[in-house]
Structures are given as structure tokens and as C-alpha cells.
Amino acid sequence: MTAPGFPLPLIDIGCNLLHPSFNSDRTEVLERAHAAGVRILVVTGTSAASSREAADFAGSRPGILYATAGVHPHDARHFGPGTLAELEALAGRPEVVAVGECGLDFNRDFSPRPAQERAFELQLELAARVGKPLFMHERGAHARFVDILRSFHGRIGRCVVHCFTGTAEEASLYLDLGLHIGITGWICDERRGRHLAEVVRHIPLDRLMLETDAPFLVPRTLPSRPSRNEPAFLPEVLRVTAAALDRNEAEVAEATTRTAGKFFGIGVS
């Protein structure tokens, strides 16, 4: 599961490196990622506090780690008067390359839907104001998610729906809206992700990016079936995605890395 010889290194566009499951071996996790060809990682912020931690951690390893700053819909009920100002300050830092993770989750409804919508709209406004891309989450809320995005048409720039698990019709609509799509180890799950093998065939390589969402979504095609996902397993997501596309792994690695570098405005060496 290494990536030697690829024209460009891999970029994991979404990983939760500050999750407690990494507390005992975070340095080793980064070393394994590097050895596997995953040279750049974007650490996901999901609340004001975790976004600050992600930015600080990314700042300690410039050129290798970057971060997002946002409030996940699960945490939208805690979006208080000072949250937006804190996110805006974080968005001004060079290591913070996107606003998010933000969006809607009507599947679990850990926060009331009105609170989710308000937090999402405020973060869309923030991205428009600071001119940074959006890193977005959607579960069970496709229609409302699209409605809100359409209301910001012409005001926001680059957007990615991360960890896409939806239908071909949903993917097509997102592409029509100009969005990028992030694919995780869900595509490796024979129970839930079988449909994604067909969906990805309709996503242009200049709109497709790869991610682990570690420590979640361990690729089930890994022979060892580890209990925790980590960025070093991104090449397995690449392998399964390339097979679904009937393309060479190196070609897909180069294309998705180029797409991610352009999307986030980061240099890849």
C-alpha cells in the first residue's frame, strides 16, 4: 500500500488527526503516511475549539499539514455569538485552507435543523467574505443543502462535498452546481458503498479528490482490517477508485493530487 513512482504525491483532503485515538502515536501516524506517499494532509476542524487545535497543529508542520476551520452540523447548536469571529480569525491564517467542515446532517439531527441551517449559512457568508474554499458535509439533507447553496450562487468560490456517499443523481446535481466531490473508504465497503464504483465513473478527474476521514471509515478491502483508519491507508482508496474508473493508479493519483492542490491553493513538491 505504498505509492512509490507516482508522478505526484497523494493529498488526504480530510483527516481527523487530533482525534483521541491518535494521542499515543500521532507522530508515527504521520511517518507512516509519508512512507505511503501521502505527503500532504488537511486536518479537519469541526468546532471552534477543534479548528483552533487543527490550525495550531498544522502550523507546526508547514507544507505538510494544513487545516480547515468550521463548525460541523452536529455541533451547530453551540454556534454562539463569538463563534463566527473566531472562525474568521482562523481563516486568516495561512495554514487554514478552507472554511468547514460545515453543512447539514438531517440523518442524525444532533443539532436542531434550524440551528444547522443558520450555522451553515453563516459559514457560507464567511467563505464568501474571506475568499477561501468550502469543505462541506451533507447527510440526509440533499434538497435543503442544494437550496441553500443555490441562494449563494455567484458569491462563494470552490466547494467540495467531502465523504460523498450519495446517489448518481445527487452527484450529477453537485457537479452541475460546480462542486468538487471527495471520496473516502466508503467506496471500499461492499455493504454500503458498492454503488460508488459506478458513481465515480461520472465524476471528472478535475472534480475528484481522495480522503480517509481517519480515524473513521477503514477501507474494508484492506487484508488486515485494522480497527482504526489512518492517512497511510489513502492508497487503498486510490486503488479501489482507480479500479472503478478502469484507469491506471498513477494517472488517478496525479490527477486527484493536482485537483486538490489547485482547489486548496497549496503547492505540492
C-alpha atoms as a PDB file:
ATOM      1  CA  MET A   1       0.000   0.000   0.000  1.00  0.00           C
ATOM      2  CA  THR A   2       2.732   2.433  -0.842  1.00  0.00           C
ATOM      3  CA  ALA A   3       2.850   4.994  -3.605  1.00  0.00           C
ATOM      4  CA  PRO A   4       6.426   4.937  -4.973  1.00  0.00           C
ATOM      5  CA  GLY A   5       6.839   6.110  -8.502  1.00  0.00           C
ATOM      6  CA  PHE A   6       3.693   8.183  -8.711  1.00  0.00           C
ATOM      7  CA  PRO A   7       4.321  11.442 -10.626  1.00  0.00           C
ATOM      8  CA  LEU A   8       2.885  13.415  -7.713  1.00  0.00           C
ATOM      9  CA  PRO A   9       2.379  12.627  -4.021  1.00  0.00           C
ATOM     10  CA  LEU A  10      -1.073  11.979  -2.625  1.00  0.00           C
ATOM     11  CA  ILE A  11      -3.108  14.530  -0.666  1.00  0.00           C
ATOM     12  CA  ASP A  12      -5.524  13.410   2.034  1.00  0.00           C
ATOM     13  CA  ILE A  13      -8.088  16.218   1.893  1.00  0.00           C
ATOM     14  CA  GLY A  14      -9.830  15.248   5.128  1.00  0.00           C
ATOM     15  CA  CYS A  15      -8.478  13.536   8.225  1.00  0.00           C
ATOM     16  CA  ASN A  16      -9.232  13.988  11.917  1.00  0.00           C
ATOM     17  CA  LEU A  17      -5.673  13.779  13.193  1.00  0.00           C
ATOM     18  CA  LEU A  18      -6.496  15.287  16.570  1.00  0.00           C
ATOM     19  CA  HIS A  19      -8.966  12.527  17.382  1.00  0.00           C
ATOM     20  CA  PRO A  20      -8.084  10.912  20.743  1.00  0.00           C
ATOM     21  CA  SER A  21      -7.382   7.585  19.031  1.00  0.00           C
ATOM     22  CA  PHE A  22      -4.182   9.171  17.683  1.00  0.00           C
ATOM     23  CA  ASN A  23      -2.975  10.552  21.012  1.00  0.00           C
ATOM     24  CA  SER A  24      -0.463   7.785  21.628  1.00  0.00           C
ATOM     25  CA  ASP A  25       1.129   7.594  18.168  1.00  0.00           C
ATOM     26  CA  ARG A  26       0.353  10.752  16.198  1.00  0.00           C
ATOM     27  CA  THR A  27       3.969  11.221  15.096  1.00  0.00           C
ATOM     28  CA  GLU A  28       4.193   7.634  13.912  1.00  0.00           C
ATOM     29  CA  VAL A  29       0.899   8.049  12.030  1.00  0.00           C
ATOM     30  CA  LEU A  30       2.420  10.964  10.112  1.00  0.00           C
ATOM     31  CA  GLU A  31       5.567   8.956   9.410  1.00  0.00           C
ATOM     32  CA  ARG A  32       3.519   6.051   8.039  1.00  0.00           C
ATOM     33  CA  ALA A  33       1.518   8.432   5.874  1.00  0.00           C
ATOM     34  CA  HIS A  34       4.690   9.904   4.404  1.00  0.00           C
ATOM     35  CA  ALA A  35       6.102   6.435   3.728  1.00  0.00           C
ATOM     36  CA  ALA A  36       2.866   5.518   1.924  1.00  0.00           C
ATOM     37  CA  GLY A  37       3.165   8.513  -0.379  1.00  0.00           C
ATOM     38  CA  VAL A  38       0.635  10.704   1.443  1.00  0.00           C
ATOM     39  CA  ARG A  39       2.743  13.821   1.662  1.00  0.00           C
ATOM     40  CA  ILE A  40       0.088  16.458   2.413  1.00  0.00           C
ATOM     41  CA  LEU A  41      -2.778  16.139   4.884  1.00  0.00           C
ATOM     42  CA  VAL A  42      -5.637  18.532   5.563  1.00  0.00           C
ATOM     43  CA  VAL A  43      -6.718  18.311   9.204  1.00  0.00           C
ATOM     44  CA  THR A  44     -10.450  18.810   9.654  1.00  0.00           C
ATOM     45  CA  GLY A  45     -11.874  21.357  12.077  1.00  0.00           C
ATOM     46  CA  THR A  46     -15.379  20.575  13.317  1.00  0.00           C
ATOM     47  CA  SER A  47     -15.892  23.163  16.070  1.00  0.00           C
ATOM     48  CA  ALA A  48     -14.314  26.443  17.059  1.00  0.00           C
ATOM     49  CA  ALA A  49     -12.082  24.671  19.571  1.00  0.00           C
ATOM     50  CA  SER A  50     -11.074  21.795  17.287  1.00  0.00           C
ATOM     51  CA  SER A  51     -10.472  24.219  14.415  1.00  0.00           C
ATOM     52  CA  ARG A  52      -8.067  26.208  16.570  1.00  0.00           C
ATOM     53  CA  GLU A  53      -6.274  22.995  17.561  1.00  0.00           C
ATOM     54  CA  ALA A  54      -6.144  21.852  13.936  1.00  0.00           C
ATOM     55  CA  ALA A  55      -4.675  25.177  12.823  1.00  0.00           C
ATOM     56  CA  ASP A  56      -2.063  25.119  15.580  1.00  0.00           C
ATOM     57  CA  PHE A  57      -1.097  21.546  14.751  1.00  0.00           C
ATOM     58  CA  ALA A  58      -0.918  22.289  11.029  1.00  0.00           C
ATOM     59  CA  GLY A  59       1.200  25.352  11.748  1.00  0.00           C
ATOM     60  CA  SER A  60       3.774  23.151  13.468  1.00  0.00           C
ATOM     61  CA  ARG A  61       4.425  21.275  10.205  1.00  0.00           C
ATOM     62  CA  PRO A  62       4.237  23.808   7.379  1.00  0.00           C
ATOM     63  CA  GLY A  63       3.986  22.419   3.892  1.00  0.00           C
ATOM     64  CA  ILE A  64       2.929  19.010   5.189  1.00  0.00           C
ATOM     65  CA  LEU A  65      -0.179  19.762   7.232  1.00  0.00           C
ATOM     66  CA  TYR A  66      -2.986  22.203   6.523  1.00  0.00           C
ATOM     67  CA  ALA A  67      -6.306  22.703   8.283  1.00  0.00           C
ATOM     68  CA  THR A  68      -9.925  23.679   7.850  1.00  0.00           C
ATOM     69  CA  ALA A  69     -11.839  25.934  10.242  1.00  0.00           C
ATOM     70  CA  GLY A  70     -15.535  25.442  10.725  1.00  0.00           C
ATOM     71  CA  VAL A  71     -18.444  24.068  12.719  1.00  0.00           C
ATOM     72  CA  HIS A  72     -19.866  20.665  11.797  1.00  0.00           C
ATOM     73  CA  PRO A  73     -23.676  20.468  11.721  1.00  0.00           C
ATOM     74  CA  HIS A  74     -23.532  18.101  14.710  1.00  0.00           C
ATOM     75  CA  ASP A  75     -22.064  20.982  16.717  1.00  0.00           C
ATOM     76  CA  ALA A  76     -24.256  23.738  15.254  1.00  0.00           C
ATOM     77  CA  ARG A  77     -26.265  24.091  18.477  1.00  0.00           C
ATOM     78  CA  HIS A  78     -23.112  25.531  20.057  1.00  0.00           C
ATOM     79  CA  PHE A  79     -22.611  28.174  17.347  1.00  0.00           C
ATOM     80  CA  GLY A  80     -22.598  31.200  19.657  1.00  0.00           C
ATOM     81  CA  PRO A  81     -22.139  34.965  19.235  1.00  0.00           C
ATOM     82  CA  GLY A  82     -18.357  34.740  19.212  1.00  0.00           C
ATOM     83  CA  THR A  83     -18.020  31.656  17.013  1.00  0.00           C
ATOM     84  CA  LEU A  84     -18.072  33.443  13.680  1.00  0.00           C
ATOM     85  CA  ALA A  85     -15.418  35.931  14.744  1.00  0.00           C
ATOM     86  CA  GLU A  86     -13.181  33.111  15.951  1.00  0.00           C
ATOM     87  CA  LEU A  87     -13.599  31.225  12.672  1.00  0.00           C
ATOM     88  CA  GLU A  88     -12.847  34.372  10.694  1.00  0.00           C
ATOM     89  CA  ALA A  89      -9.641  34.925  12.633  1.00  0.00           C
ATOM     90  CA  LEU A  90      -8.602  31.323  11.988  1.00  0.00           C
ATOM     91  CA  ALA A  91      -9.473  31.613   8.297  1.00  0.00           C
ATOM     92  CA  GLY A  92      -6.911  34.391   8.018  1.00  0.00           C
ATOM     93  CA  ARG A  93      -4.076  32.050   8.947  1.00  0.00           C
ATOM     94  CA  PRO A  94      -2.037  30.692   6.020  1.00  0.00           C
ATOM     95  CA  GLU A  95      -2.267  27.091   7.180  1.00  0.00           C
ATOM     96  CA  VAL A  96      -6.089  27.242   7.144  1.00  0.00           C
ATOM     97  CA  VAL A  97      -7.063  26.454   3.563  1.00  0.00           C
ATOM     98  CA  ALA A  98     -10.848  26.117   3.777  1.00  0.00           C
ATOM     99  CA  VAL A  99     -13.939  27.042   5.768  1.00  0.00           C
ATOM    100  CA  GLY A 100     -15.633  23.974   7.226  1.00  0.00           C
ATOM    101  CA  GLU A 101     -16.427  21.253   7.965  1.00  0.00           C
ATOM    102  CA  CYS A 102     -19.856  22.785   7.600  1.00  0.00           C
ATOM    103  CA  GLY A 103     -23.177  21.750   6.138  1.00  0.00           C
ATOM    104  CA  LEU A 104     -26.307  19.846   7.089  1.00  0.00           C
ATOM    105  CA  ASP A 105     -26.919  16.465   8.699  1.00  0.00           C
ATOM    106  CA  PHE A 106     -30.601  15.539   8.856  1.00  0.00           C
ATOM    107  CA  ASN A 107     -29.680  11.889   9.275  1.00  0.00           C
ATOM    108  CA  ARG A 108     -28.711  12.120  12.930  1.00  0.00           C
ATOM    109  CA  ASP A 109     -30.049  15.568  13.836  1.00  0.00           C
ATOM    110  CA  PHE A 110     -27.606  16.011  16.705  1.00  0.00           C
ATOM    111  CA  SER A 111     -28.375  19.728  16.401  1.00  0.00           C
ATOM    112  CA  PRO A 112     -31.801  21.169  15.598  1.00  0.00           C
ATOM    113  CA  ARG A 113     -32.271  21.720  11.881  1.00  0.00           C
ATOM    114  CA  PRO A 114     -32.819  25.491  12.153  1.00  0.00           C
ATOM    115  CA  ALA A 115     -29.523  25.762  14.065  1.00  0.00           C
ATOM    116  CA  GLN A 116     -27.765  23.682  11.403  1.00  0.00           C
ATOM    117  CA  GLU A 117     -29.104  25.873   8.612  1.00  0.00           C
ATOM    118  CA  ARG A 118     -28.138  29.084  10.386  1.00  0.00           C
ATOM    119  CA  ALA A 119     -24.596  27.869  11.095  1.00  0.00           C
ATOM    120  CA  PHE A 120     -24.229  26.673   7.507  1.00  0.00           C
ATOM    121  CA  GLU A 121     -25.394  29.976   6.041  1.00  0.00           C
ATOM    122  CA  LEU A 122     -23.099  31.975   8.316  1.00  0.00           C
ATOM    123  CA  GLN A 123     -20.126  29.872   7.227  1.00  0.00           C
ATOM    124  CA  LEU A 124     -21.048  30.265   3.564  1.00  0.00           C
ATOM    125  CA  GLU A 125     -21.079  34.012   4.137  1.00  0.00           C
ATOM    126  CA  LEU A 126     -17.705  33.747   5.866  1.00  0.00           C
ATOM    127  CA  ALA A 127     -16.183  31.844   2.951  1.00  0.00           C
ATOM    128  CA  ALA A 128     -17.524  34.454   0.539  1.00  0.00           C
ATOM    129  CA  ARG A 129     -16.025  37.222   2.678  1.00  0.00           C
ATOM    130  CA  VAL A 130     -12.562  35.714   3.145  1.00  0.00           C
ATOM    131  CA  GLY A 131     -12.331  34.134  -0.293  1.00  0.00           C
ATOM    132  CA  LYS A 132     -11.495  30.616   0.819  1.00  0.00           C
ATOM    133  CA  PRO A 133     -12.934  27.286  -0.382  1.00  0.00           C
ATOM    134  CA  LEU A 134     -15.647  25.386   1.459  1.00  0.00           C
ATOM    135  CA  PHE A 135     -15.262  21.908   2.946  1.00  0.00           C
ATOM    136  CA  MET A 136     -18.812  20.627   3.325  1.00  0.00           C
ATOM    137  CA  HIS A 137     -20.792  17.790   4.880  1.00  0.00           C
ATOM    138  CA  GLU A 138     -24.237  16.538   3.848  1.00  0.00           C
ATOM    139  CA  ARG A 139     -26.219  13.567   5.129  1.00  0.00           C
ATOM    140  CA  GLY A 140     -29.922  13.084   4.553  1.00  0.00           C
ATOM    141  CA  ALA A 141     -30.372  16.740   3.661  1.00  0.00           C
ATOM    142  CA  HIS A 142     -29.656  16.893  -0.053  1.00  0.00           C
ATOM    143  CA  ALA A 143     -32.609  19.025  -1.154  1.00  0.00           C
ATOM    144  CA  ARG A 144     -32.234  21.650   1.571  1.00  0.00           C
ATOM    145  CA  PHE A 145     -28.444  21.642   1.176  1.00  0.00           C
ATOM    146  CA  VAL A 146     -28.794  22.413  -2.527  1.00  0.00           C
ATOM    147  CA  ASP A 147     -31.392  25.114  -1.887  1.00  0.00           C
ATOM    148  CA  ILE A 148     -29.068  26.933   0.490  1.00  0.00           C
ATOM    149  CA  LEU A 149     -26.091  26.620  -1.857  1.00  0.00           C
ATOM    150  CA  ARG A 150     -28.147  27.994  -4.741  1.00  0.00           C
ATOM    151  CA  SER A 151     -29.035  31.038  -2.649  1.00  0.00           C
ATOM    152  CA  PHE A 152     -25.293  31.816  -2.530  1.00  0.00           C
ATOM    153  CA  HIS A 153     -24.731  31.361  -6.259  1.00  0.00           C
ATOM    154  CA  GLY A 154     -22.103  33.763  -7.543  1.00  0.00           C
ATOM    155  CA  ARG A 155     -20.907  34.669  -4.048  1.00  0.00           C
ATOM    156  CA  ILE A 156     -18.930  31.620  -2.993  1.00  0.00           C
ATOM    157  CA  GLY A 157     -15.981  30.037  -4.751  1.00  0.00           C
ATOM    158  CA  ARG A 158     -14.656  26.492  -4.729  1.00  0.00           C
ATOM    159  CA  CYS A 159     -16.636  23.908  -2.744  1.00  0.00           C
ATOM    160  CA  VAL A 160     -16.188  20.222  -2.029  1.00  0.00           C
ATOM    161  CA  VAL A 161     -18.786  17.808  -0.679  1.00  0.00           C
ATOM    162  CA  HIS A 162     -16.489  15.662   1.405  1.00  0.00           C
ATOM    163  CA  CYS A 163     -17.054  11.973   2.098  1.00  0.00           C
ATOM    164  CA  PHE A 164     -19.659  11.672  -0.620  1.00  0.00           C
ATOM    165  CA  THR A 165     -21.894   8.616  -0.164  1.00  0.00           C
ATOM    166  CA  GLY A 166     -24.943   9.633  -2.192  1.00  0.00           C
ATOM    167  CA  THR A 167     -26.581   8.622  -5.415  1.00  0.00           C
ATOM    168  CA  ALA A 168     -25.536   9.193  -9.011  1.00  0.00           C
ATOM    169  CA  GLU A 169     -28.328  11.749  -9.335  1.00  0.00           C
ATOM    170  CA  GLU A 170     -27.069  13.677  -6.305  1.00  0.00           C
ATOM    171  CA  ALA A 171     -23.503  13.609  -7.611  1.00  0.00           C
ATOM    172  CA  SER A 172     -24.687  14.860 -11.004  1.00  0.00           C
ATOM    173  CA  LEU A 173     -26.507  17.778  -9.406  1.00  0.00           C
ATOM    174  CA  TYR A 174     -23.480  18.692  -7.308  1.00  0.00           C
ATOM    175  CA  LEU A 175     -21.323  18.656 -10.430  1.00  0.00           C
ATOM    176  CA  ASP A 176     -23.864  20.838 -12.238  1.00  0.00           C
ATOM    177  CA  LEU A 177     -23.522  23.310  -9.363  1.00  0.00           C
ATOM    178  CA  GLY A 178     -19.749  23.372  -9.900  1.00  0.00           C
ATOM    179  CA  LEU A 179     -18.884  21.417  -6.764  1.00  0.00           C
ATOM    180  CA  HIS A 180     -15.991  19.025  -6.205  1.00  0.00           C
ATOM    181  CA  ILE A 181     -16.527  15.604  -4.652  1.00  0.00           C
ATOM    182  CA  GLY A 182     -14.408  13.810  -2.044  1.00  0.00           C
ATOM    183  CA  ILE A 183     -14.282  10.008  -1.986  1.00  0.00           C
ATOM    184  CA  THR A 184     -13.331   8.033   1.120  1.00  0.00           C
ATOM    185  CA  GLY A 185     -13.035   4.387   2.071  1.00  0.00           C
ATOM    186  CA  TRP A 186     -16.812   4.189   1.771  1.00  0.00           C
ATOM    187  CA  ILE A 187     -16.106   3.090  -1.805  1.00  0.00           C
ATOM    188  CA  CYS A 188     -14.254   0.094  -0.335  1.00  0.00           C
ATOM    189  CA  ASP A 189     -17.306  -1.045   1.664  1.00  0.00           C
ATOM    190  CA  GLU A 190     -19.082  -3.924  -0.058  1.00  0.00           C
ATOM    191  CA  ARG A 191     -22.094  -3.462   2.232  1.00  0.00           C
ATOM    192  CA  ARG A 192     -22.825   0.248   1.778  1.00  0.00           C
ATOM    193  CA  GLY A 193     -20.547   1.646  -0.894  1.00  0.00           C
ATOM    194  CA  ARG A 194     -20.957  -0.681  -3.854  1.00  0.00           C
ATOM    195  CA  HIS A 195     -22.899   1.979  -5.802  1.00  0.00           C
ATOM    196  CA  LEU A 196     -19.975   4.421  -5.619  1.00  0.00           C
ATOM    197  CA  ALA A 197     -17.990   2.303  -8.077  1.00  0.00           C
ATOM    198  CA  GLU A 198     -20.460   3.407 -10.741  1.00  0.00           C
ATOM    199  CA  VAL A 199     -20.927   6.951  -9.404  1.00  0.00           C
ATOM    200  CA  VAL A 200     -17.213   7.819  -9.597  1.00  0.00           C
ATOM    201  CA  ARG A 201     -17.155   6.937 -13.294  1.00  0.00           C
ATOM    202  CA  HIS A 202     -19.219  10.077 -13.899  1.00  0.00           C
ATOM    203  CA  ILE A 203     -17.022  12.431 -11.837  1.00  0.00           C
ATOM    204  CA  PRO A 204     -14.397  14.253 -13.938  1.00  0.00           C
ATOM    205  CA  LEU A 205     -10.883  13.879 -12.559  1.00  0.00           C
ATOM    206  CA  ASP A 206     -10.614  17.650 -12.192  1.00  0.00           C
ATOM    207  CA  ARG A 207     -13.504  17.499  -9.701  1.00  0.00           C
ATOM    208  CA  LEU A 208     -12.466  14.345  -7.830  1.00  0.00           C
ATOM    209  CA  MET A 209     -10.415  14.261  -4.631  1.00  0.00           C
ATOM    210  CA  LEU A 210      -9.469  11.495  -2.210  1.00  0.00           C
ATOM    211  CA  GLU A 211      -9.584  11.385   1.574  1.00  0.00           C
ATOM    212  CA  THR A 212      -9.550   8.993   4.507  1.00  0.00           C
ATOM    213  CA  ASP A 213     -11.713  10.784   7.105  1.00  0.00           C
ATOM    214  CA  ALA A 214      -9.434   8.969   9.541  1.00  0.00           C
ATOM    215  CA  PRO A 215      -9.848   7.503  12.097  1.00  0.00           C
ATOM    216  CA  PHE A 216     -13.254   6.651  10.644  1.00  0.00           C
ATOM    217  CA  LEU A 217     -14.178   4.585   7.553  1.00  0.00           C
ATOM    218  CA  VAL A 218     -11.428   1.987   7.487  1.00  0.00           C
ATOM    219  CA  PRO A 219     -11.226   0.607   3.924  1.00  0.00           C
ATOM    220  CA  ARG A 220     -12.796  -2.836   4.217  1.00  0.00           C
ATOM    221  CA  THR A 221     -10.725  -4.068   1.285  1.00  0.00           C
ATOM    222  CA  LEU A 222      -7.559  -3.935   3.392  1.00  0.00           C
ATOM    223  CA  PRO A 223      -6.416  -7.510   4.107  1.00  0.00           C
ATOM    224  CA  SER A 224      -5.661  -6.776   7.764  1.00  0.00           C
ATOM    225  CA  ARG A 225      -8.961  -4.976   8.510  1.00  0.00           C
ATOM    226  CA  PRO A 226      -7.439  -2.634  11.144  1.00  0.00           C
ATOM    227  CA  SER A 227      -9.773  -1.190  13.751  1.00  0.00           C
ATOM    228  CA  ARG A 228      -8.629   2.415  13.144  1.00  0.00           C
ATOM    229  CA  ASN A 229      -8.267   4.225   9.864  1.00  0.00           C
ATOM    230  CA  GLU A 230      -5.237   6.405   9.218  1.00  0.00           C
ATOM    231  CA  PRO A 231      -3.876   8.513   6.345  1.00  0.00           C
ATOM    232  CA  ALA A 232      -1.410   5.782   5.328  1.00  0.00           C
ATOM    233  CA  PHE A 233      -4.415   3.848   4.009  1.00  0.00           C
ATOM    234  CA  LEU A 234      -5.273   6.503   1.409  1.00  0.00           C
ATOM    235  CA  PRO A 235      -3.518   4.484  -1.330  1.00  0.00           C
ATOM    236  CA  GLU A 236      -6.165   1.790  -0.808  1.00  0.00           C
ATOM    237  CA  VAL A 237      -8.905   4.336  -1.522  1.00  0.00           C
ATOM    238  CA  LEU A 238      -6.899   5.283  -4.599  1.00  0.00           C
ATOM    239  CA  ARG A 239      -6.556   1.651  -5.690  1.00  0.00           C
ATOM    240  CA  VAL A 240     -10.267   0.897  -5.440  1.00  0.00           C
ATOM    241  CA  THR A 241     -11.220   4.196  -7.068  1.00  0.00           C
ATOM    242  CA  ALA A 242      -8.804   3.660  -9.954  1.00  0.00           C
ATOM    243  CA  ALA A 243     -10.184   0.151 -10.467  1.00  0.00           C
ATOM    244  CA  ALA A 244     -13.729   1.539 -10.596  1.00  0.00           C
ATOM    245  CA  LEU A 245     -12.583   4.092 -13.175  1.00  0.00           C
ATOM    246  CA  ASP A 246     -10.679   1.424 -15.120  1.00  0.00           C
ATOM    247  CA  ARG A 247      -7.665   3.729 -15.053  1.00  0.00           C
ATOM    248  CA  ASN A 248      -4.056   3.404 -14.002  1.00  0.00           C
ATOM    249  CA  GLU A 249      -3.451   4.197 -10.325  1.00  0.00           C
ATOM    250  CA  ALA A 250      -0.618   6.582 -11.152  1.00  0.00           C
ATOM    251  CA  GLU A 251      -2.873   8.525 -13.513  1.00  0.00           C
ATOM    252  CA  VAL A 252      -5.597   8.870 -10.891  1.00  0.00           C
ATOM    253  CA  ALA A 253      -3.036   9.762  -8.203  1.00  0.00           C
ATOM    254  CA  GLU A 254      -1.570  12.506 -10.354  1.00  0.00           C
ATOM    255  CA  ALA A 255      -4.960  13.902 -11.375  1.00  0.00           C
ATOM    256  CA  THR A 256      -6.553  13.921  -7.908  1.00  0.00           C
ATOM    257  CA  THR A 257      -3.432  15.420  -6.348  1.00  0.00           C
ATOM    258  CA  ARG A 258      -3.365  18.154  -8.960  1.00  0.00           C
ATOM    259  CA  THR A 259      -7.074  18.804  -8.386  1.00  0.00           C
ATOM    260  CA  ALA A 260      -6.627  19.000  -4.602  1.00  0.00           C
ATOM    261  CA  GLY A 261      -3.588  21.263  -4.858  1.00  0.00           C
ATOM    262  CA  LYS A 262      -5.452  23.660  -7.116  1.00  0.00           C
ATOM    263  CA  PHE A 263      -8.610  23.515  -5.003  1.00  0.00           C
ATOM    264  CA  PHE A 264      -6.862  24.403  -1.742  1.00  0.00           C
ATOM    265  CA  GLY A 265      -4.223  26.633  -3.310  1.00  0.00           C
ATOM    266  CA  ILE A 266      -1.345  24.623  -1.915  1.00  0.00           C
ATOM    267  CA  GLY A 267       1.929  23.743  -3.587  1.00  0.00           C
ATOM    268  CA  VAL A 268       2.902  20.119  -3.928  1.00  0.00           C
ATOM    269  CA  SER A 269       6.555  19.093  -4.080  1.00  0.00           C
END
